[in-house]
């Protein structure tokens, strides 16, 4: 099943009609519940190269969520995380993955022909056993910003 982006939940056009809805979700919940929308990705997903191990970036990428003016840290509604989420992930050691090389929907297409633009922040990598894979099939790297926050958290914990 395709997961529709949460940030666009209220923006889906009504493509059915009152007499014949396009799907059960639409019949029960209106345009917001339609499950017919399909992503049109910016990159083709290659098969995962599961023999490769994920690494950790040495530093933040240009679009890093951990940068001070990132969409995640400035409250952009399209961001999948906020500063509290980012800090919690670093504190608990739960990996946060770098988005570089991951596919994302550039638009969502309905069988009726209607389209809705995708969000530049809606990365949708292929996951295998909890690891996201870049479009080229290589495993994503753990985020360099996450790693820096993680080191700071561990350092502070060691000083106590």
Protein backbone atom coordinates (compact mmCIF):
# COMPACT_ATOMS: atom_id res chain seq x y z
CA UNK A 1 0.00 0.00 0.00
CA UNK A 2 1.26 3.48 -0.85
CA UNK A 3 1.51 5.93 2.01
CA UNK A 4 0.22 9.36 1.10
CA UNK A 5 2.22 12.26 2.48
CA UNK A 6 0.76 13.63 5.70
CA UNK A 7 1.58 17.20 4.76
CA UNK A 8 -0.83 17.13 1.84
CA UNK A 9 -3.72 15.38 3.59
CA UNK A 10 -6.10 18.29 3.07
CA UNK A 11 -4.94 19.11 -0.45
CA UNK A 12 -6.19 16.09 -2.36
CA UNK A 13 -8.71 16.99 -5.05
CA UNK A 14 -12.06 15.23 -5.04
CA UNK A 15 -11.82 13.00 -8.11
CA UNK A 16 -14.86 10.81 -7.54
CA UNK A 17 -18.50 11.70 -7.54
CA UNK A 18 -21.24 11.22 -4.95
CA UNK A 19 -22.78 8.31 -6.82
CA UNK A 20 -19.66 6.29 -7.69
CA UNK A 21 -16.62 6.89 -5.50
CA UNK A 22 -13.31 5.71 -6.94
CA UNK A 23 -12.40 3.50 -3.96
CA UNK A 24 -13.58 2.37 -0.51
CA UNK A 25 -11.37 4.95 1.22
CA UNK A 26 -12.99 7.71 -0.79
CA UNK A 27 -16.46 6.30 -0.11
CA UNK A 28 -15.82 6.30 3.62
CA UNK A 29 -13.73 9.45 4.10
CA UNK A 30 -14.13 11.58 0.98
CA UNK A 31 -11.16 12.95 -1.01
CA UNK A 32 -8.84 12.69 2.02
CA UNK A 33 -9.38 8.93 2.23
CA UNK A 34 -8.75 8.06 -1.40
CA UNK A 35 -6.18 5.28 -1.74
CA UNK A 36 -5.92 5.40 -5.52
CA UNK A 37 -3.10 7.97 -5.68
CA UNK A 38 0.22 6.60 -6.93
CA UNK A 39 3.62 8.26 -6.56
CA UNK A 40 5.64 9.32 -9.61
CA UNK A 41 9.23 9.19 -8.36
CA UNK A 42 12.11 11.42 -9.40
CA UNK A 43 14.49 8.43 -9.47
CA UNK A 44 14.05 4.78 -10.42
CA UNK A 45 14.65 2.41 -7.48
CA UNK A 46 17.31 -0.21 -8.15
CA UNK A 47 17.26 -3.51 -6.23
CA UNK A 48 18.83 -3.26 -2.77
CA UNK A 49 22.46 -4.29 -2.45
CA UNK A 50 21.98 -5.92 0.93
CA UNK A 51 25.56 -7.22 0.99
CA UNK A 52 26.73 -3.63 1.65
CA UNK A 53 26.72 -2.22 5.20
CA UNK A 54 25.39 1.28 5.92
CA UNK A 55 28.05 3.78 6.89
CA UNK A 56 27.90 7.11 8.72
CA UNK A 57 28.61 10.39 6.96
CA UNK A 58 31.67 12.23 8.30
CA UNK A 59 29.83 15.58 8.18
CA UNK A 60 26.47 17.17 7.42
CA UNK A 61 25.31 17.34 3.82
CA UNK A 62 24.12 20.67 2.40
CA UNK A 63 20.46 19.80 3.03
CA UNK A 64 21.00 18.24 6.46
CA UNK A 65 17.99 18.22 8.79
CA UNK A 66 20.31 19.04 11.69
CA UNK A 67 21.46 22.38 10.21
CA UNK A 68 20.07 25.40 12.10
CA UNK A 69 17.91 26.72 9.22
CA UNK A 70 16.70 23.36 7.92
CA UNK A 71 12.97 22.80 7.31
CA UNK A 72 12.98 20.32 10.20
CA UNK A 73 14.38 22.88 12.64
CA UNK A 74 12.27 25.79 11.42
CA UNK A 75 8.91 24.04 11.70
CA UNK A 76 8.11 23.44 8.03
CA UNK A 77 4.84 21.44 7.95
CA UNK A 78 6.25 19.21 5.16
CA UNK A 79 9.15 18.07 7.35
CA UNK A 80 8.77 14.56 8.75
CA UNK A 81 10.58 15.52 11.98
CA UNK A 82 11.15 18.57 14.17
CA UNK A 83 13.98 19.61 16.50
CA UNK A 84 12.57 17.58 19.41
CA UNK A 85 12.42 14.47 17.19
CA UNK A 86 15.98 15.04 15.96
CA UNK A 87 17.32 15.47 19.50
CA UNK A 88 15.44 12.39 20.73
CA UNK A 89 16.85 10.25 17.91
CA UNK A 90 20.40 11.36 18.69
CA UNK A 91 19.93 10.85 22.44
CA UNK A 92 18.53 7.34 22.06
CA UNK A 93 20.93 6.27 19.31
CA UNK A 94 18.11 5.42 16.93
CA UNK A 95 19.57 6.11 13.47
CA UNK A 96 18.52 9.06 11.35
CA UNK A 97 19.38 8.47 7.72
CA UNK A 98 20.82 10.93 5.22
CA UNK A 99 18.39 11.73 2.42
CA UNK A 100 21.01 12.04 -0.32
CA UNK A 101 20.31 9.67 -3.20
CA UNK A 102 16.86 8.66 -1.95
CA UNK A 103 13.86 8.78 -4.23
CA UNK A 104 10.88 11.04 -3.63
CA UNK A 105 7.58 11.55 -5.41
CA UNK A 106 7.69 14.56 -7.68
CA UNK A 107 3.93 14.19 -8.07
CA UNK A 108 1.02 11.94 -7.12
CA UNK A 109 -1.19 10.65 -9.93
CA UNK A 110 -4.78 9.42 -9.68
CA UNK A 111 -6.23 6.95 -12.22
CA UNK A 112 -8.61 9.76 -13.26
CA UNK A 113 -5.59 11.70 -14.56
CA UNK A 114 -5.57 14.24 -11.73
CA UNK A 115 -2.16 15.07 -10.28
CA UNK A 116 -0.92 16.69 -7.08
CA UNK A 117 2.67 17.96 -6.77
CA UNK A 118 4.93 16.11 -4.38
CA UNK A 119 6.87 17.73 -1.58
CA UNK A 120 10.64 18.18 -1.90
CA UNK A 121 10.86 16.82 1.67
CA UNK A 122 8.88 13.60 1.12
CA UNK A 123 11.69 11.04 0.73
CA UNK A 124 10.44 7.50 0.26
CA UNK A 125 13.33 5.07 0.15
CA UNK A 126 12.93 1.34 -0.13
CA UNK A 127 13.35 -0.18 3.35
CA UNK A 128 14.71 -3.69 3.89
CA UNK A 129 15.00 -4.97 7.47
CA UNK A 130 14.94 -1.43 8.86
CA UNK A 131 17.60 -0.05 6.52
CA UNK A 132 16.66 2.50 3.83
CA UNK A 133 18.20 2.12 0.40
CA UNK A 134 19.16 4.89 -2.01
CA UNK A 135 17.73 4.80 -5.50
CA UNK A 136 21.01 3.31 -6.80
CA UNK A 137 20.47 0.28 -4.51
CA UNK A 138 23.17 1.15 -1.97
CA UNK A 139 22.24 1.47 1.70
CA UNK A 140 21.69 5.00 2.98
CA UNK A 141 24.29 6.47 5.30
CA UNK A 142 23.52 7.53 8.83
CA UNK A 143 23.18 11.31 8.88
CA UNK A 144 26.37 13.27 9.66
CA UNK A 145 24.38 15.82 11.68
CA UNK A 146 22.78 13.02 13.69
CA UNK A 147 26.24 11.53 14.35
CA UNK A 148 27.55 14.90 15.61
CA UNK A 149 24.52 15.36 17.90
CA UNK A 150 24.96 11.77 19.08
CA UNK A 151 28.64 12.35 19.96
CA UNK A 152 27.70 15.51 21.92
CA UNK A 153 25.00 13.61 23.80
CA UNK A 154 27.41 10.79 24.68
CA UNK A 155 30.07 13.30 25.75
CA UNK A 156 27.63 15.10 28.07
CA UNK A 157 26.44 11.79 29.50
CA UNK A 158 30.06 10.80 30.20
CA UNK A 159 30.68 14.08 32.08
CA UNK A 160 27.93 13.39 34.59
